[in-house]
Structure formats: C-alpha cells, structure tokens
C-alpha cells in the first residue's frame, strides 16, 4: 500500500525551460533503478513551472529516494536551472487508486 509521497515544485530560470523538461525526462531512467519508488511523475504546470510527484510504500522508501541519484542530480543542477531552490514537500497519502 502506498502511504507517503513527495511533491517538488521547480521554477525554471528564464531560457532554461527546455533544459528542465529534458532533465525530468532523463530522470526517469534513474528512478527506474529505485525499487522502493512506487510511482514517479515529472510534470509541467505552466510555461516555467515544473514539478516532480512520487510515491512510496513507507518512509524508508522515501528516504532512499531522497538519498538517490535523481535527488543528487536535482540539487547539483539547481543553481544553473532553477530560479529558486526546489521546494520539497513531504506528503501523507490518504487515498489512492492503483493502475
């Protein structure tokens, strides 16, 4: 059962929108190597606003993801790609429908 998640809001620097989109698309390959990440979505919510939404069965899975390669790459590239630091929000999943 999915119990916890993360939402990360990303605001691209002017002119970096395509690079942010490409970063999110490329992140999928890294997340696919994380067995404890149940779902992972890279999304675009507006011209410069992007996000990551992912879910986990438990806190251990969430912590493993936060210490993984995607998070490492995200924060390493943040000064170059984003207008502000990524805003990471911890979520408790109250209800969900699986695929």
PDB file of N, CA and C in Angstrom:
ATOM      1  N   UNK A   1       0.834  -1.190   0.000  1.00  0.00           N
ATOM      2  CA  UNK A   1       0.000   0.000   0.000  1.00  0.00           C
ATOM      3  C   UNK A   1       0.872   1.245   0.000  1.00  0.00           C
ATOM      4  N   UNK A   2       0.500   2.216  -0.778  1.00  0.00           N
ATOM      5  CA  UNK A   2       1.225   3.483  -0.875  1.00  0.00           C
ATOM      6  C   UNK A   2       0.816   4.369   0.293  1.00  0.00           C
ATOM      7  N   UNK A   3       1.794   4.820   1.073  1.00  0.00           N
ATOM      8  CA  UNK A   3       1.474   5.593   2.269  1.00  0.00           C
ATOM      9  C   UNK A   3       2.051   6.997   2.287  1.00  0.00           C
ATOM     10  N   UNK A   4       3.171   7.222   1.593  1.00  0.00           N
ATOM     11  CA  UNK A   4       3.822   8.536   1.634  1.00  0.00           C
ATOM     12  C   UNK A   4       4.253   8.960   0.236  1.00  0.00           C
ATOM     13  N   UNK A   5       4.502  10.260   0.096  1.00  0.00           N
ATOM     14  CA  UNK A   5       4.932  10.785  -1.194  1.00  0.00           C
ATOM     15  C   UNK A   5       5.763  12.037  -1.035  1.00  0.00           C
ATOM     16  N   UNK A   6       6.139  12.561  -2.175  1.00  0.00           N
ATOM     17  CA  UNK A   6       6.875  13.816  -2.259  1.00  0.00           C
ATOM     18  C   UNK A   6       6.290  14.651  -3.392  1.00  0.00           C
ATOM     19  N   UNK A   7       6.265  15.942  -3.199  1.00  0.00           N
ATOM     20  CA  UNK A   7       5.981  16.862  -4.290  1.00  0.00           C
ATOM     21  C   UNK A   7       7.080  17.904  -4.291  1.00  0.00           C
ATOM     22  N   UNK A   8       7.724  18.069  -5.433  1.00  0.00           N
ATOM     23  CA  UNK A   8       8.811  19.035  -5.572  1.00  0.00           C
ATOM     24  C   UNK A   8       8.413  20.036  -6.644  1.00  0.00           C
ATOM     25  N   UNK A   9       8.290  21.294  -6.253  1.00  0.00           N
ATOM     26  CA  UNK A   9       7.948  22.367  -7.196  1.00  0.00           C
ATOM     27  C   UNK A   9       9.239  22.984  -7.710  1.00  0.00           C
ATOM     28  N   UNK A  10       9.306  23.149  -9.033  1.00  0.00           N
ATOM     29  CA  UNK A  10      10.507  23.663  -9.691  1.00  0.00           C
ATOM     30  C   UNK A  10      10.137  24.847 -10.572  1.00  0.00           C
ATOM     31  N   UNK A  11      10.842  25.942 -10.427  1.00  0.00           N
ATOM     32  CA  UNK A  11      10.620  27.126 -11.265  1.00  0.00           C
ATOM     33  C   UNK A  11      11.871  27.345 -12.103  1.00  0.00           C
ATOM     34  N   UNK A  12      11.733  27.149 -13.419  1.00  0.00           N
ATOM     35  CA  UNK A  12      12.876  27.271 -14.323  1.00  0.00           C
ATOM     36  C   UNK A  12      13.334  28.721 -14.441  1.00  0.00           C
ATOM     37  N   UNK A  13      14.650  28.891 -14.562  1.00  0.00           N
ATOM     38  CA  UNK A  13      15.188  30.210 -14.877  1.00  0.00           C
ATOM     39  C   UNK A  13      14.748  30.560 -16.296  1.00  0.00           C
ATOM     40  N   UNK A  14      14.623  31.850 -16.605  1.00  0.00           N
ATOM     41  CA  UNK A  14      14.268  32.242 -17.972  1.00  0.00           C
ATOM     42  C   UNK A  14      15.248  31.629 -18.981  1.00  0.00           C
ATOM     43  N   UNK A  15      14.691  31.027 -20.006  1.00  0.00           N
ATOM     44  CA  UNK A  15      15.505  30.414 -21.051  1.00  0.00           C
ATOM     45  C   UNK A  15      15.951  28.996 -20.741  1.00  0.00           C
ATOM     46  N   UNK A  16      15.662  28.480 -19.550  1.00  0.00           N
ATOM     47  CA  UNK A  16      16.092  27.133 -19.152  1.00  0.00           C
ATOM     48  C   UNK A  16      14.946  26.118 -19.167  1.00  0.00           C
ATOM     49  N   UNK A  17      13.792  26.522 -19.675  1.00  0.00           N
ATOM     50  CA  UNK A  17      12.618  25.658 -19.640  1.00  0.00           C
ATOM     51  C   UNK A  17      12.855  24.320 -20.350  1.00  0.00           C
ATOM     52  N   UNK A  18      13.450  24.343 -21.507  1.00  0.00           N
ATOM     53  CA  UNK A  18      13.685  23.099 -22.242  1.00  0.00           C
ATOM     54  C   UNK A  18      14.677  22.206 -21.502  1.00  0.00           C
ATOM     55  N   UNK A  19      15.684  22.813 -20.895  1.00  0.00           N
ATOM     56  CA  UNK A  19      16.665  22.033 -20.137  1.00  0.00           C
ATOM     57  C   UNK A  19      16.012  21.360 -18.921  1.00  0.00           C
ATOM     58  N   UNK A  20      15.091  22.059 -18.269  1.00  0.00           N
ATOM     59  CA  UNK A  20      14.383  21.467 -17.134  1.00  0.00           C
ATOM     60  C   UNK A  20      13.518  20.302 -17.619  1.00  0.00           C
ATOM     61  N   UNK A  21      12.797  20.492 -18.712  1.00  0.00           N
ATOM     62  CA  UNK A  21      11.976  19.413 -19.264  1.00  0.00           C
ATOM     63  C   UNK A  21      12.848  18.208 -19.628  1.00  0.00           C
ATOM     64  N   UNK A  22      13.986  18.461 -20.240  1.00  0.00           N
ATOM     65  CA  UNK A  22      14.898  17.370 -20.604  1.00  0.00           C
ATOM     66  C   UNK A  22      15.452  16.676 -19.360  1.00  0.00           C
ATOM     67  N   UNK A  23      15.751  17.451 -18.326  1.00  0.00           N
ATOM     68  CA  UNK A  23      16.231  16.872 -17.071  1.00  0.00           C
ATOM     69  C   UNK A  23      15.187  15.918 -16.493  1.00  0.00           C
ATOM     70  N   UNK A  24      13.933  16.340 -16.472  1.00  0.00           N
ATOM     71  CA  UNK A  24      12.870  15.486 -15.939  1.00  0.00           C
ATOM     72  C   UNK A  24      12.696  14.224 -16.777  1.00  0.00           C
ATOM     73  N   UNK A  25      12.739  14.370 -18.086  1.00  0.00           N
ATOM     74  CA  UNK A  25      12.617  13.179 -18.945  1.00  0.00           C
ATOM     75  C   UNK A  25      13.771  12.214 -18.688  1.00  0.00           C
ATOM     76  N   UNK A  26      14.967  12.733 -18.534  1.00  0.00           N
ATOM     77  CA  UNK A  26      16.140  11.903 -18.276  1.00  0.00           C
ATOM     78  C   UNK A  26      16.134  11.284 -16.894  1.00  0.00           C
ATOM     79  N   UNK A  27      15.465  11.921 -15.947  1.00  0.00           N
ATOM     80  CA  UNK A  27      15.404  11.402 -14.587  1.00  0.00           C
ATOM     81  C   UNK A  27      14.670  10.078 -14.482  1.00  0.00           C
ATOM     82  N   UNK A  28      13.790   9.815 -15.412  1.00  0.00           N
ATOM     83  CA  UNK A  28      13.012   8.583 -15.373  1.00  0.00           C
ATOM     84  C   UNK A  28      13.924   7.354 -15.366  1.00  0.00           C
ATOM     85  N   UNK A  29      14.969   7.360 -16.167  1.00  0.00           N
ATOM     86  CA  UNK A  29      15.878   6.211 -16.221  1.00  0.00           C
ATOM     87  C   UNK A  29      16.536   5.953 -14.870  1.00  0.00           C
ATOM     88  N   UNK A  30      16.855   7.012 -14.149  1.00  0.00           N
ATOM     89  CA  UNK A  30      17.459   6.854 -12.823  1.00  0.00           C
ATOM     90  C   UNK A  30      16.451   6.307 -11.819  1.00  0.00           C
ATOM     91  N   UNK A  31      15.228   6.808 -11.868  1.00  0.00           N
ATOM     92  CA  UNK A  31      14.197   6.375 -10.924  1.00  0.00           C
ATOM     93  C   UNK A  31      13.800   4.927 -11.178  1.00  0.00           C
ATOM     94  N   UNK A  32      13.851   4.492 -12.407  1.00  0.00           N
ATOM     95  CA  UNK A  32      13.518   3.101 -12.714  1.00  0.00           C
ATOM     96  C   UNK A  32      14.458   2.124 -12.013  1.00  0.00           C
ATOM     97  N   UNK A  33      15.605   2.593 -11.557  1.00  0.00           N
ATOM     98  CA  UNK A  33      16.562   1.755 -10.828  1.00  0.00           C
ATOM     99  C   UNK A  33      16.290   1.762  -9.319  1.00  0.00           C
ATOM    100  N   UNK A  34      15.248   2.438  -8.878  1.00  0.00           N
ATOM    101  CA  UNK A  34      14.894   2.537  -7.467  1.00  0.00           C
ATOM    102  C   UNK A  34      13.677   1.662  -7.179  1.00  0.00           C
ATOM    103  N   UNK A  35      13.885   0.446  -6.684  1.00  0.00           N
ATOM    104  CA  UNK A  35      12.749  -0.456  -6.470  1.00  0.00           C
ATOM    105  C   UNK A  35      11.747   0.044  -5.425  1.00  0.00           C
ATOM    106  N   UNK A  36      12.162   0.922  -4.530  1.00  0.00           N
ATOM    107  CA  UNK A  36      11.247   1.393  -3.489  1.00  0.00           C
ATOM    108  C   UNK A  36      10.404   2.592  -3.919  1.00  0.00           C
ATOM    109  N   UNK A  37      10.679   3.150  -5.107  1.00  0.00           N
ATOM    110  CA  UNK A  37       9.854   4.238  -5.630  1.00  0.00           C
ATOM    111  C   UNK A  37       8.695   3.608  -6.391  1.00  0.00           C
ATOM    112  N   UNK A  38       7.485   3.750  -5.839  1.00  0.00           N
ATOM    113  CA  UNK A  38       6.311   3.109  -6.442  1.00  0.00           C
ATOM    114  C   UNK A  38       5.883   3.817  -7.719  1.00  0.00           C
ATOM    115  N   UNK A  39       5.747   5.144  -7.653  1.00  0.00           N
ATOM    116  CA  UNK A  39       5.393   5.929  -8.835  1.00  0.00           C
ATOM    117  C   UNK A  39       6.246   7.183  -8.862  1.00  0.00           C
ATOM    118  N   UNK A  40       6.483   7.701 -10.051  1.00  0.00           N
ATOM    119  CA  UNK A  40       7.279   8.915 -10.219  1.00  0.00           C
ATOM    120  C   UNK A  40       6.769   9.639 -11.456  1.00  0.00           C
ATOM    121  N   UNK A  41       6.497  10.921 -11.307  1.00  0.00           N
ATOM    122  CA  UNK A  41       5.999  11.734 -12.411  1.00  0.00           C
ATOM    123  C   UNK A  41       6.811  13.014 -12.499  1.00  0.00           C
ATOM    124  N   UNK A  42       7.278  13.331 -13.674  1.00  0.00           N
ATOM    125  CA  UNK A  42       7.847  14.642 -13.964  1.00  0.00           C
ATOM    126  C   UNK A  42       6.771  15.402 -14.725  1.00  0.00           C
ATOM    127  N   UNK A  43       6.390  16.591 -14.245  1.00  0.00           N
ATOM    128  CA  UNK A  43       5.265  17.313 -14.831  1.00  0.00           C
ATOM    129  C   UNK A  43       5.630  18.762 -15.138  1.00  0.00           C
ATOM    130  N   UNK A  44       4.869  19.339 -16.062  1.00  0.00           N
ATOM    131  CA  UNK A  44       4.960  20.765 -16.352  1.00  0.00           C
ATOM    132  C   UNK A  44       3.588  21.368 -16.095  1.00  0.00           C
ATOM    133  N   UNK A  45       3.557  22.404 -15.250  1.00  0.00           N
ATOM    134  CA  UNK A  45       2.292  23.008 -14.837  1.00  0.00           C
ATOM    135  C   UNK A  45       2.059  24.367 -15.468  1.00  0.00           C
ATOM    136  N   UNK A  46       3.047  24.899 -16.124  1.00  0.00           N
ATOM    137  CA  UNK A  46       2.948  26.201 -16.771  1.00  0.00           C
ATOM    138  C   UNK A  46       4.203  26.424 -17.583  1.00  0.00           C
ATOM    139  N   UNK A  47       4.334  27.568 -18.228  1.00  0.00           N
ATOM    140  CA  UNK A  47       5.485  27.813 -19.098  1.00  0.00           C
ATOM    141  C   UNK A  47       6.835  27.638 -18.407  1.00  0.00           C
ATOM    142  N   UNK A  48       6.944  28.029 -17.143  1.00  0.00           N
ATOM    143  CA  UNK A  48       8.219  27.924 -16.424  1.00  0.00           C
ATOM    144  C   UNK A  48       8.112  27.094 -15.147  1.00  0.00           C
ATOM    145  N   UNK A  49       6.940  26.544 -14.873  1.00  0.00           N
ATOM    146  CA  UNK A  49       6.710  25.821 -13.626  1.00  0.00           C
ATOM    147  C   UNK A  49       6.629  24.319 -13.885  1.00  0.00           C
ATOM    148  N   UNK A  50       7.465  23.589 -13.169  1.00  0.00           N
ATOM    149  CA  UNK A  50       7.564  22.146 -13.320  1.00  0.00           C
ATOM    150  C   UNK A  50       7.426  21.500 -11.947  1.00  0.00           C
ATOM    151  N   UNK A  51       7.339  20.190 -11.930  1.00  0.00           N
ATOM    152  CA  UNK A  51       7.268  19.504 -10.652  1.00  0.00           C
ATOM    153  C   UNK A  51       7.596  18.035 -10.779  1.00  0.00           C
ATOM    154  N   UNK A  52       7.829  17.442  -9.615  1.00  0.00           N
ATOM    155  CA  UNK A  52       8.027  16.002  -9.501  1.00  0.00           C
ATOM    156  C   UNK A  52       7.068  15.528  -8.415  1.00  0.00           C
ATOM    157  N   UNK A  53       6.317  14.474  -8.730  1.00  0.00           N
ATOM    158  CA  UNK A  53       5.438  13.846  -7.755  1.00  0.00           C
ATOM    159  C   UNK A  53       5.792  12.374  -7.731  1.00  0.00           C
ATOM    160  N   UNK A  54       6.085  11.850  -6.552  1.00  0.00           N
ATOM    161  CA  UNK A  54       6.392  10.434  -6.455  1.00  0.00           C
ATOM    162  C   UNK A  54       5.821   9.855  -5.173  1.00  0.00           C
ATOM    163  N   UNK A  55       5.644   8.528  -5.169  1.00  0.00           N
ATOM    164  CA  UNK A  55       5.028   7.861  -4.028  1.00  0.00           C
ATOM    165  C   UNK A  55       5.841   6.642  -3.610  1.00  0.00           C
ATOM    166  N   UNK A  56       5.602   6.251  -2.327  1.00  0.00           N
ATOM    167  CA  UNK A  56       6.371   5.176  -1.718  1.00  0.00           C
ATOM    168  C   UNK A  56       5.483   4.408  -0.748  1.00  0.00           C
ATOM    169  N   UNK A  57       5.823   3.169  -0.515  1.00  0.00           N
ATOM    170  CA  UNK A  57       5.056   2.351   0.428  1.00  0.00           C
ATOM    171  C   UNK A  57       5.285   2.803   1.864  1.00  0.00           C
ATOM    172  N   UNK A  58       6.477   3.347   2.132  1.00  0.00           N
ATOM    173  CA  UNK A  58       6.794   3.706   3.514  1.00  0.00           C
ATOM    174  C   UNK A  58       7.884   4.773   3.555  1.00  0.00           C
ATOM    175  N   UNK A  59       8.190   5.208   4.763  1.00  0.00           N
ATOM    176  CA  UNK A  59       9.185   6.259   4.972  1.00  0.00           C
ATOM    177  C   UNK A  59      10.578   5.815   4.527  1.00  0.00           C
ATOM    178  N   UNK A  60      10.896   4.548   4.695  1.00  0.00           N
ATOM    179  CA  UNK A  60      12.203   4.044   4.272  1.00  0.00           C
ATOM    180  C   UNK A  60      12.395   4.224   2.766  1.00  0.00           C
ATOM    181  N   UNK A  61      11.347   3.957   1.990  1.00  0.00           N
ATOM    182  CA  UNK A  61      11.428   4.150   0.550  1.00  0.00           C
ATOM    183  C   UNK A  61      11.605   5.607   0.175  1.00  0.00           C
ATOM    184  N   UNK A  62      10.896   6.476   0.869  1.00  0.00           N
ATOM    185  CA  UNK A  62      11.021   7.914   0.603  1.00  0.00           C
ATOM    186  C   UNK A  62      12.432   8.387   0.928  1.00  0.00           C
ATOM    187  N   UNK A  63      12.965   7.952   2.052  1.00  0.00           N
ATOM    188  CA  UNK A  63      14.328   8.347   2.434  1.00  0.00           C
ATOM    189  C   UNK A  63      15.354   7.830   1.431  1.00  0.00           C
ATOM    190  N   UNK A  64      15.156   6.609   0.966  1.00  0.00           N
ATOM    191  CA  UNK A  64      16.074   6.043  -0.027  1.00  0.00           C
ATOM    192  C   UNK A  64      16.060   6.882  -1.301  1.00  0.00           C
ATOM    193  N   UNK A  65      14.885   7.302  -1.713  1.00  0.00           N
ATOM    194  CA  UNK A  65      14.770   8.130  -2.914  1.00  0.00           C
ATOM    195  C   UNK A  65      15.454   9.482  -2.709  1.00  0.00           C
ATOM    196  N   UNK A  66      15.225  10.092  -1.558  1.00  0.00           N
ATOM    197  CA  UNK A  66      15.840  11.400  -1.280  1.00  0.00           C
ATOM    198  C   UNK A  66      17.361  11.315  -1.239  1.00  0.00           C
ATOM    199  N   UNK A  67      17.894  10.138  -0.983  1.00  0.00           N
ATOM    200  CA  UNK A  67      19.340   9.938  -0.998  1.00  0.00           C
ATOM    201  C   UNK A  67      19.836   9.355  -2.306  1.00  0.00           C
ATOM    202  N   UNK A  68      18.962   9.261  -3.306  1.00  0.00           N
ATOM    203  CA  UNK A  68      19.302   8.625  -4.575  1.00  0.00           C
ATOM    204  C   UNK A  68      19.881   9.564  -5.617  1.00  0.00           C
ATOM    205  N   UNK A  69      20.077   9.011  -6.799  1.00  0.00           N
ATOM    206  CA  UNK A  69      20.748   9.728  -7.886  1.00  0.00           C
ATOM    207  C   UNK A  69      19.942  10.883  -8.454  1.00  0.00           C
ATOM    208  N   UNK A  70      18.620  10.739  -8.519  1.00  0.00           N
ATOM    209  CA  UNK A  70      17.806  11.832  -9.073  1.00  0.00           C
ATOM    210  C   UNK A  70      17.874  13.043  -8.152  1.00  0.00           C
ATOM    211  N   UNK A  71      17.722  12.820  -6.853  1.00  0.00           N
ATOM    212  CA  UNK A  71      17.797  13.935  -5.902  1.00  0.00           C
ATOM    213  C   UNK A  71      19.176  14.581  -5.941  1.00  0.00           C
ATOM    214  N   UNK A  72      20.206  13.767  -6.036  1.00  0.00           N
ATOM    215  CA  UNK A  72      21.573  14.288  -6.116  1.00  0.00           C
ATOM    216  C   UNK A  72      21.743  15.167  -7.352  1.00  0.00           C
ATOM    217  N   UNK A  73      21.283  14.688  -8.488  1.00  0.00           N
ATOM    218  CA  UNK A  73      21.390  15.459  -9.731  1.00  0.00           C
ATOM    219  C   UNK A  73      20.544  16.727  -9.673  1.00  0.00           C
ATOM    220  N   UNK A  74      19.358  16.611  -9.097  1.00  0.00           N
ATOM    221  CA  UNK A  74      18.461  17.760  -8.993  1.00  0.00           C
ATOM    222  C   UNK A  74      19.124  18.904  -8.229  1.00  0.00           C
ATOM    223  N   UNK A  75      19.665  18.599  -7.068  1.00  0.00           N
ATOM    224  CA  UNK A  75      20.255  19.655  -6.255  1.00  0.00           C
ATOM    225  C   UNK A  75      21.606  20.124  -6.795  1.00  0.00           C
ATOM    226  N   UNK A  76      22.316  19.257  -7.502  1.00  0.00           N
ATOM    227  CA  UNK A  76      23.573  19.668  -8.128  1.00  0.00           C
ATOM    228  C   UNK A  76      23.325  20.665  -9.257  1.00  0.00           C
ATOM    229  N   UNK A  77      22.247  20.486 -10.006  1.00  0.00           N
ATOM    230  CA  UNK A  77      21.951  21.357 -11.149  1.00  0.00           C
ATOM    231  C   UNK A  77      21.035  22.522 -10.794  1.00  0.00           C
ATOM    232  N   UNK A  78      20.542  22.559  -9.570  1.00  0.00           N
ATOM    233  CA  UNK A  78      19.593  23.599  -9.164  1.00  0.00           C
ATOM    234  C   UNK A  78      20.092  25.021  -9.431  1.00  0.00           C
ATOM    235  N   UNK A  79      21.320  25.379  -9.067  1.00  0.00           N
ATOM    236  CA  UNK A  79      21.746  26.765  -9.302  1.00  0.00           C
ATOM    237  C   UNK A  79      21.732  27.166 -10.778  1.00  0.00           C
ATOM    238  N   UNK A  80      21.980  26.213 -11.654  1.00  0.00           N
ATOM    239  CA  UNK A  80      22.018  26.500 -13.090  1.00  0.00           C
ATOM    240  C   UNK A  80      20.627  26.556 -13.713  1.00  0.00           C
ATOM    241  N   UNK A  81      19.725  25.673 -13.273  1.00  0.00           N
ATOM    242  CA  UNK A  81      18.437  25.513 -13.944  1.00  0.00           C
ATOM    243  C   UNK A  81      17.268  26.269 -13.319  1.00  0.00           C
ATOM    244  N   UNK A  82      17.301  26.480 -12.001  1.00  0.00           N
ATOM    245  CA  UNK A  82      16.104  26.944 -11.309  1.00  0.00           C
ATOM    246  C   UNK A  82      16.238  28.354 -10.752  1.00  0.00           C
ATOM    247  N   UNK A  83      15.136  29.092 -10.804  1.00  0.00           N
ATOM    248  CA  UNK A  83      15.094  30.470 -10.310  1.00  0.00           C
ATOM    249  C   UNK A  83      15.178  30.512  -8.787  1.00  0.00           C
ATOM    250  N   UNK A  84      14.757  29.439  -8.132  1.00  0.00           N
ATOM    251  CA  UNK A  84      14.836  29.327  -6.679  1.00  0.00           C
ATOM    252  C   UNK A  84      15.094  27.863  -6.343  1.00  0.00           C
ATOM    253  N   UNK A  85      15.467  27.618  -5.107  1.00  0.00           N
ATOM    254  CA  UNK A  85      15.738  26.239  -4.686  1.00  0.00           C
ATOM    255  C   UNK A  85      14.484  25.381  -4.849  1.00  0.00           C
ATOM    256  N   UNK A  86      14.640  24.117  -5.249  1.00  0.00           N
ATOM    257  CA  UNK A  86      13.487  23.222  -5.336  1.00  0.00           C
ATOM    258  C   UNK A  86      12.752  23.173  -3.996  1.00  0.00           C
ATOM    259  N   UNK A  87      11.437  23.295  -4.052  1.00  0.00           N
ATOM    260  CA  UNK A  87      10.604  23.255  -2.846  1.00  0.00           C
ATOM    261  C   UNK A  87      10.087  21.836  -2.659  1.00  0.00           C
ATOM    262  N   UNK A  88      10.653  21.132  -1.688  1.00  0.00           N
ATOM    263  CA  UNK A  88      10.316  19.733  -1.437  1.00  0.00           C
ATOM    264  C   UNK A  88       9.275  19.652  -0.324  1.00  0.00           C
ATOM    265  N   UNK A  89       8.151  19.013  -0.628  1.00  0.00           N
ATOM    266  CA  UNK A  89       7.093  18.842   0.362  1.00  0.00           C
ATOM    267  C   UNK A  89       6.851  17.358   0.599  1.00  0.00           C
ATOM    268  N   UNK A  90       6.847  16.978   1.863  1.00  0.00           N
ATOM    269  CA  UNK A  90       6.555  15.604   2.265  1.00  0.00           C
ATOM    270  C   UNK A  90       5.038  15.445   2.335  1.00  0.00           C
ATOM    271  N   UNK A  91       4.534  14.359   1.776  1.00  0.00           N
ATOM    272  CA  UNK A  91       3.098  14.114   1.722  1.00  0.00           C
ATOM    273  C   UNK A  91       2.744  12.796   2.406  1.00  0.00           C
ATOM    274  N   UNK A  92       1.608  12.774   3.053  1.00  0.00           N
ATOM    275  CA  UNK A  92       0.994  11.537   3.514  1.00  0.00           C
ATOM    276  C   UNK A  92      -0.130  11.231   2.545  1.00  0.00           C
ATOM    277  N   UNK A  93      -0.151  10.033   1.992  1.00  0.00           N
ATOM    278  CA  UNK A  93      -1.174   9.637   1.029  1.00  0.00           C
ATOM    279  C   UNK A  93      -2.390   9.145   1.818  1.00  0.00           C
ATOM    280  N   UNK A  94      -3.504   9.818   1.650  1.00  0.00           N
ATOM    281  CA  UNK A  94      -4.733   9.471   2.355  1.00  0.00           C
ATOM    282  C   UNK A  94      -5.578   8.457   1.597  1.00  0.00           C
ATOM    283  N   UNK A  95      -5.533   8.525   0.272  1.00  0.00           N
ATOM    284  CA  UNK A  95      -6.297   7.599  -0.559  1.00  0.00           C
ATOM    285  C   UNK A  95      -5.640   7.550  -1.926  1.00  0.00           C
ATOM    286  N   UNK A  96      -5.726   6.419  -2.589  1.00  0.00           N
ATOM    287  CA  UNK A  96      -5.147   6.309  -3.931  1.00  0.00           C
ATOM    288  C   UNK A  96      -5.867   5.210  -4.707  1.00  0.00           C
ATOM    289  N   UNK A  97      -5.722   5.259  -6.001  1.00  0.00           N
ATOM    290  CA  UNK A  97      -6.244   4.219  -6.888  1.00  0.00           C
ATOM    291  C   UNK A  97      -5.075   3.743  -7.730  1.00  0.00           C
ATOM    292  N   UNK A  98      -4.760   2.494  -7.684  1.00  0.00           N
ATOM    293  CA  UNK A  98      -3.662   1.932  -8.471  1.00  0.00           C
ATOM    294  C   UNK A  98      -4.065   1.717  -9.907  1.00  0.00           C
ATOM    295  N   UNK A  99      -3.048   1.554 -10.744  1.00  0.00           N
ATOM    296  CA  UNK A  99      -3.295   1.331 -12.172  1.00  0.00           C
ATOM    297  C   UNK A  99      -3.774  -0.076 -12.424  1.00  0.00           C
TER     298      UNK A  99
END
